[in-house]
Amino acid sequence: MMDFSDHLTDDHRAMIGAQSVFFVATAAADGRINLSPKGYDAFRVLGPNRVAWLDLGGSGNETNAHLLADQIDRGRITIMMCNFQQPALILRIYGRGKPVLPWEAGWDALAAHFTLMPGTRQIFDVAVESVQTSCGWGVPVMTLDHERVTLAKYHAQADPEAWTAKVKGRTTSIDGLPTRTTDRYIAGN
């Protein structure tokens, strides 16, 4: 059973608000498809046709590279949420995304929706084009034990100058596509 909408409804928002993990998929014209799990309290619904998430520095910056890739369908992104409780449900958001970095126009307005965390690198701003829900009957019922604190702890312990130099040096994706990255260490709130 599948349903499509051209916007996020109140029911979609409620389902999204109950999730502790989401998945992000992007692809450039060539190279690998990137599929990344995301945690923490980092996802926001900003309106019926707009969502955003706070991104921390990690192993790569593939989403940034794919959304900025010079191609006809620039910015394509899919975000998936699975309800691991009842009722069974999968929600996919299809849209066009862009990374917003701390020095860019729009940063302050987006950042106001989040509690900035140590290692905040960028915020991804997504224009929602369509929303799909499906049954999710094959998704297991699970409960969250606890969030991993490792990534936030790693960034919180970093020397700001060394962290900034390291992140600024990551100018390409694993497939050699150019990325834009932050020029500052954000200690968090």
C-alpha atoms as a PDB file:
ATOM      1  CA  MET A   1       0.000   0.000   0.000  1.00  0.00           C
ATOM      2  CA  MET A   2       1.544   3.260  -1.159  1.00  0.00           C
ATOM      3  CA  ASP A   3       0.431   6.876  -1.038  1.00  0.00           C
ATOM      4  CA  PHE A   4       1.946  10.048  -2.557  1.00  0.00           C
ATOM      5  CA  SER A   5       1.525  13.671  -1.530  1.00  0.00           C
ATOM      6  CA  ASP A   6       3.064  16.900  -2.811  1.00  0.00           C
ATOM      7  CA  HIS A   7       3.660  18.125   0.758  1.00  0.00           C
ATOM      8  CA  LEU A   8       4.148  16.995   4.343  1.00  0.00           C
ATOM      9  CA  THR A   9       0.885  16.616   6.269  1.00  0.00           C
ATOM     10  CA  ASP A  10       0.314  16.827  10.011  1.00  0.00           C
ATOM     11  CA  ASP A  11       0.345  12.998  10.145  1.00  0.00           C
ATOM     12  CA  HIS A  12       3.718  12.949   8.351  1.00  0.00           C
ATOM     13  CA  ARG A  13       5.097  15.530  10.797  1.00  0.00           C
ATOM     14  CA  ALA A  14       3.949  13.457  13.773  1.00  0.00           C
ATOM     15  CA  MET A  15       5.592  10.325  12.394  1.00  0.00           C
ATOM     16  CA  ILE A  16       8.836  12.204  11.653  1.00  0.00           C
ATOM     17  CA  GLY A  17       8.878  13.723  15.137  1.00  0.00           C
ATOM     18  CA  ALA A  18       8.781  10.268  16.719  1.00  0.00           C
ATOM     19  CA  GLN A  19      11.861   8.946  14.881  1.00  0.00           C
ATOM     20  CA  SER A  20      15.391   8.774  16.270  1.00  0.00           C
ATOM     21  CA  VAL A  21      17.100   7.864  12.986  1.00  0.00           C
ATOM     22  CA  PHE A  22      16.689   8.826   9.351  1.00  0.00           C
ATOM     23  CA  PHE A  23      18.478   7.907   6.137  1.00  0.00           C
ATOM     24  CA  VAL A  24      19.722  10.211   3.380  1.00  0.00           C
ATOM     25  CA  ALA A  25      20.440   9.119  -0.208  1.00  0.00           C
ATOM     26  CA  THR A  26      22.117  11.165  -2.950  1.00  0.00           C
ATOM     27  CA  ALA A  27      23.923  10.457  -6.194  1.00  0.00           C
ATOM     28  CA  ALA A  28      25.959  12.327  -8.754  1.00  0.00           C
ATOM     29  CA  ALA A  29      25.778  11.441 -12.452  1.00  0.00           C
ATOM     30  CA  ASP A  30      28.818   9.174 -12.052  1.00  0.00           C
ATOM     31  CA  GLY A  31      30.299   7.393  -9.078  1.00  0.00           C
ATOM     32  CA  ARG A  32      28.845   5.833  -5.992  1.00  0.00           C
ATOM     33  CA  ILE A  33      25.355   6.330  -4.618  1.00  0.00           C
ATOM     34  CA  ASN A  34      25.631   7.627  -1.066  1.00  0.00           C
ATOM     35  CA  LEU A  35      23.258   6.316   1.601  1.00  0.00           C
ATOM     36  CA  SER A  36      23.869   7.567   5.130  1.00  0.00           C
ATOM     37  CA  PRO A  37      22.112   6.979   8.444  1.00  0.00           C
ATOM     38  CA  LYS A  38      21.669  10.056  10.645  1.00  0.00           C
ATOM     39  CA  GLY A  39      20.897  10.325  14.325  1.00  0.00           C
ATOM     40  CA  TYR A  40      20.787  12.866  17.142  1.00  0.00           C
ATOM     41  CA  ASP A  41      18.054  15.497  17.375  1.00  0.00           C
ATOM     42  CA  ALA A  42      19.112  16.878  14.001  1.00  0.00           C
ATOM     43  CA  PHE A  43      16.045  16.863  11.716  1.00  0.00           C
ATOM     44  CA  ARG A  44      13.431  19.600  11.415  1.00  0.00           C
ATOM     45  CA  VAL A  45      10.272  20.039   9.399  1.00  0.00           C
ATOM     46  CA  LEU A  46      10.245  23.748   8.539  1.00  0.00           C
ATOM     47  CA  GLY A  47       7.013  23.733   6.577  1.00  0.00           C
ATOM     48  CA  PRO A  48       4.842  21.552   4.342  1.00  0.00           C
ATOM     49  CA  ASN A  49       7.464  21.762   1.575  1.00  0.00           C
ATOM     50  CA  ARG A  50      10.690  22.308   3.475  1.00  0.00           C
ATOM     51  CA  VAL A  51      12.881  20.242   5.809  1.00  0.00           C
ATOM     52  CA  ALA A  52      16.423  20.620   7.104  1.00  0.00           C
ATOM     53  CA  TRP A  53      18.994  18.720   9.109  1.00  0.00           C
ATOM     54  CA  LEU A  54      22.073  19.638  11.053  1.00  0.00           C
ATOM     55  CA  ASP A  55      25.185  17.885   9.747  1.00  0.00           C
ATOM     56  CA  LEU A  56      28.236  17.044  11.837  1.00  0.00           C
ATOM     57  CA  GLY A  57      31.659  16.334  10.387  1.00  0.00           C
ATOM     58  CA  GLY A  58      32.101  12.626   9.778  1.00  0.00           C
ATOM     59  CA  SER A  59      33.930  10.235   7.526  1.00  0.00           C
ATOM     60  CA  GLY A  60      33.156  12.132   4.338  1.00  0.00           C
ATOM     61  CA  ASN A  61      31.118  14.899   2.794  1.00  0.00           C
ATOM     62  CA  GLU A  62      29.377  12.978   0.013  1.00  0.00           C
ATOM     63  CA  THR A  63      25.970  14.595   0.425  1.00  0.00           C
ATOM     64  CA  ASN A  64      27.525  18.028  -0.028  1.00  0.00           C
ATOM     65  CA  ALA A  65      29.407  16.910  -3.153  1.00  0.00           C
ATOM     66  CA  HIS A  66      26.384  15.229  -4.721  1.00  0.00           C
ATOM     67  CA  LEU A  67      24.021  18.134  -4.106  1.00  0.00           C
ATOM     68  CA  LEU A  68      26.496  20.564  -5.669  1.00  0.00           C
ATOM     69  CA  ALA A  69      27.560  18.326  -8.576  1.00  0.00           C
ATOM     70  CA  ASP A  70      27.420  20.056 -11.952  1.00  0.00           C
ATOM     71  CA  GLN A  71      24.631  18.068 -13.585  1.00  0.00           C
ATOM     72  CA  ILE A  72      21.163  18.626 -15.013  1.00  0.00           C
ATOM     73  CA  ASP A  73      19.362  17.167 -11.997  1.00  0.00           C
ATOM     74  CA  ARG A  74      21.466  19.000  -9.394  1.00  0.00           C
ATOM     75  CA  GLY A  75      20.357  18.676  -5.802  1.00  0.00           C
ATOM     76  CA  ARG A  76      18.355  15.430  -5.965  1.00  0.00           C
ATOM     77  CA  ILE A  77      17.904  13.890  -2.541  1.00  0.00           C
ATOM     78  CA  THR A  78      15.781  11.247  -0.851  1.00  0.00           C
ATOM     79  CA  ILE A  79      15.244  11.115   2.906  1.00  0.00           C
ATOM     80  CA  MET A  80      13.702   8.006   4.455  1.00  0.00           C
ATOM     81  CA  MET A  81      12.164   7.496   7.874  1.00  0.00           C
ATOM     82  CA  CYS A  82      11.054   4.095   9.157  1.00  0.00           C
ATOM     83  CA  ASN A  83       8.657   3.788  12.056  1.00  0.00           C
ATOM     84  CA  PHE A  84      10.250   1.082  14.199  1.00  0.00           C
ATOM     85  CA  GLN A  85       7.222   1.182  16.512  1.00  0.00           C
ATOM     86  CA  GLN A  86       3.546   0.763  15.672  1.00  0.00           C
ATOM     87  CA  PRO A  87       1.984   1.399  13.279  1.00  0.00           C
ATOM     88  CA  ALA A  88       4.330   0.084  10.622  1.00  0.00           C
ATOM     89  CA  LEU A  89       5.175   2.873   8.183  1.00  0.00           C
ATOM     90  CA  ILE A  90       7.916   4.035   5.837  1.00  0.00           C
ATOM     91  CA  LEU A  91       8.037   7.686   4.776  1.00  0.00           C
ATOM     92  CA  ARG A  92      10.209   8.986   1.948  1.00  0.00           C
ATOM     93  CA  ILE A  93      10.785  12.650   1.177  1.00  0.00           C
ATOM     94  CA  TYR A  94      11.915  13.437  -2.365  1.00  0.00           C
ATOM     95  CA  GLY A  95      13.302  16.855  -3.098  1.00  0.00           C
ATOM     96  CA  ARG A  96      16.126  19.210  -3.965  1.00  0.00           C
ATOM     97  CA  GLY A  97      18.686  19.990  -1.326  1.00  0.00           C
ATOM     98  CA  LYS A  98      21.524  22.384  -0.783  1.00  0.00           C
ATOM     99  CA  PRO A  99      24.178  22.689   1.895  1.00  0.00           C
ATOM    100  CA  VAL A 100      24.186  25.951   3.824  1.00  0.00           C
ATOM    101  CA  LEU A 101      27.520  26.763   5.470  1.00  0.00           C
ATOM    102  CA  PRO A 102      28.021  29.004   8.539  1.00  0.00           C
ATOM    103  CA  TRP A 103      29.135  32.096   6.603  1.00  0.00           C
ATOM    104  CA  GLU A 104      26.371  31.933   3.977  1.00  0.00           C
ATOM    105  CA  ALA A 105      23.124  33.831   3.712  1.00  0.00           C
ATOM    106  CA  GLY A 106      20.376  31.853   5.397  1.00  0.00           C
ATOM    107  CA  TRP A 107      22.623  30.222   8.002  1.00  0.00           C
ATOM    108  CA  ASP A 108      21.352  32.216  10.987  1.00  0.00           C
ATOM    109  CA  ALA A 109      17.704  31.595  10.146  1.00  0.00           C
ATOM    110  CA  LEU A 110      18.289  27.844   9.697  1.00  0.00           C
ATOM    111  CA  ALA A 111      20.578  27.502  12.714  1.00  0.00           C
ATOM    112  CA  ALA A 112      17.884  29.043  14.934  1.00  0.00           C
ATOM    113  CA  HIS A 113      15.882  25.805  14.531  1.00  0.00           C
ATOM    114  CA  PHE A 114      18.633  23.640  16.043  1.00  0.00           C
ATOM    115  CA  THR A 115      20.796  23.246  19.092  1.00  0.00           C
ATOM    116  CA  LEU A 116      24.223  23.481  17.471  1.00  0.00           C
ATOM    117  CA  MET A 117      26.471  20.584  18.421  1.00  0.00           C
ATOM    118  CA  PRO A 118      30.249  20.288  18.561  1.00  0.00           C
ATOM    119  CA  GLY A 119      31.496  19.622  15.048  1.00  0.00           C
ATOM    120  CA  THR A 120      28.537  21.203  13.262  1.00  0.00           C
ATOM    121  CA  ARG A 121      29.657  21.435   9.653  1.00  0.00           C
ATOM    122  CA  GLN A 122      26.604  22.584   7.684  1.00  0.00           C
ATOM    123  CA  ILE A 123      22.836  22.481   7.546  1.00  0.00           C
ATOM    124  CA  PHE A 124      21.140  20.817   4.609  1.00  0.00           C
ATOM    125  CA  ASP A 125      18.056  22.702   3.402  1.00  0.00           C
ATOM    126  CA  VAL A 126      15.639  20.597   1.338  1.00  0.00           C
ATOM    127  CA  ALA A 127      12.736  21.752  -0.815  1.00  0.00           C
ATOM    128  CA  VAL A 128      10.186  18.928  -0.642  1.00  0.00           C
ATOM    129  CA  GLU A 129       8.813  17.926  -4.049  1.00  0.00           C
ATOM    130  CA  SER A 130       6.874  14.829  -3.018  1.00  0.00           C
ATOM    131  CA  VAL A 131       6.278  12.543  -0.067  1.00  0.00           C
ATOM    132  CA  GLN A 132       5.636   8.817  -0.287  1.00  0.00           C
ATOM    133  CA  THR A 133       4.378   6.543   2.454  1.00  0.00           C
ATOM    134  CA  SER A 134       4.276   2.770   2.292  1.00  0.00           C
ATOM    135  CA  CYS A 135       3.299  -0.044   4.627  1.00  0.00           C
ATOM    136  CA  GLY A 136       6.614  -0.875   6.307  1.00  0.00           C
ATOM    137  CA  TRP A 137       5.331  -4.308   7.239  1.00  0.00           C
ATOM    138  CA  GLY A 138       8.770  -5.828   6.664  1.00  0.00           C
ATOM    139  CA  VAL A 139      10.503  -3.355   9.014  1.00  0.00           C
ATOM    140  CA  PRO A 140      11.172  -4.839  12.462  1.00  0.00           C
ATOM    141  CA  VAL A 141       9.730  -3.412  15.662  1.00  0.00           C
ATOM    142  CA  MET A 142      12.648  -2.014  17.665  1.00  0.00           C
ATOM    143  CA  THR A 143      13.263   0.349  20.536  1.00  0.00           C
ATOM    144  CA  LEU A 144      16.034   2.885  20.962  1.00  0.00           C
ATOM    145  CA  ASP A 145      18.431   1.923  23.732  1.00  0.00           C
ATOM    146  CA  HIS A 146      20.414   5.169  23.602  1.00  0.00           C
ATOM    147  CA  GLU A 147      22.195   7.451  21.187  1.00  0.00           C
ATOM    148  CA  ARG A 148      25.905   7.024  20.617  1.00  0.00           C
ATOM    149  CA  VAL A 149      27.796   9.956  22.046  1.00  0.00           C
ATOM    150  CA  THR A 150      31.029   9.093  20.247  1.00  0.00           C
ATOM    151  CA  LEU A 151      30.774  11.568  17.347  1.00  0.00           C
ATOM    152  CA  ALA A 152      29.736  14.547  19.487  1.00  0.00           C
ATOM    153  CA  LYS A 153      32.356  13.624  22.094  1.00  0.00           C
ATOM    154  CA  TYR A 154      35.061  13.370  19.414  1.00  0.00           C
ATOM    155  CA  HIS A 155      34.248  16.846  18.122  1.00  0.00           C
ATOM    156  CA  ALA A 156      33.886  18.346  21.623  1.00  0.00           C
ATOM    157  CA  GLN A 157      37.409  17.201  22.513  1.00  0.00           C
ATOM    158  CA  ALA A 158      38.977  18.559  19.329  1.00  0.00           C
ATOM    159  CA  ASP A 159      41.398  21.442  19.217  1.00  0.00           C
ATOM    160  CA  PRO A 160      39.437  24.077  17.234  1.00  0.00           C
ATOM    161  CA  GLU A 161      42.389  25.121  15.040  1.00  0.00           C
ATOM    162  CA  ALA A 162      43.418  21.555  14.230  1.00  0.00           C
ATOM    163  CA  TRP A 163      39.786  20.572  13.566  1.00  0.00           C
ATOM    164  CA  THR A 164      39.263  23.498  11.207  1.00  0.00           C
ATOM    165  CA  ALA A 165      42.478  22.768   9.302  1.00  0.00           C
ATOM    166  CA  LYS A 166      41.530  19.098   8.937  1.00  0.00           C
ATOM    167  CA  VAL A 167      37.986  19.829   7.722  1.00  0.00           C
ATOM    168  CA  LYS A 168      39.109  22.593   5.340  1.00  0.00           C
ATOM    169  CA  GLY A 169      41.472  20.072   3.732  1.00  0.00           C
ATOM    170  CA  ARG A 170      38.622  17.759   2.771  1.00  0.00           C
ATOM    171  CA  THR A 171      37.843  19.330  -0.585  1.00  0.00           C
ATOM    172  CA  THR A 172      36.761  16.263  -2.565  1.00  0.00           C
ATOM    173  CA  SER A 173      34.359  13.366  -2.188  1.00  0.00           C
ATOM    174  CA  ILE A 174      35.460   9.732  -2.339  1.00  0.00           C
ATOM    175  CA  ASP A 175      34.754   9.899  -6.095  1.00  0.00           C
ATOM    176  CA  GLY A 176      36.808  13.076  -6.523  1.00  0.00           C
ATOM    177  CA  LEU A 177      33.888  15.518  -6.741  1.00  0.00           C
ATOM    178  CA  PRO A 178      34.480  18.965  -5.232  1.00  0.00           C
ATOM    179  CA  THR A 179      32.964  19.770  -1.843  1.00  0.00           C
ATOM    180  CA  ARG A 180      32.509  22.969   0.079  1.00  0.00           C
ATOM    181  CA  THR A 181      33.154  22.761   3.769  1.00  0.00           C
ATOM    182  CA  THR A 182      33.041  24.973   6.795  1.00  0.00           C
ATOM    183  CA  ASP A 183      35.843  27.361   7.655  1.00  0.00           C
ATOM    184  CA  ARG A 184      35.182  27.354  11.401  1.00  0.00           C
ATOM    185  CA  TYR A 185      34.883  25.093  14.386  1.00  0.00           C
ATOM    186  CA  ILE A 186      31.497  25.256  16.100  1.00  0.00           C
ATOM    187  CA  ALA A 187      31.712  24.208  19.745  1.00  0.00           C
ATOM    188  CA  GLY A 188      27.943  23.870  20.106  1.00  0.00           C
ATOM    189  CA  ASN A 189      25.465  25.359  22.540  1.00  0.00           C
END
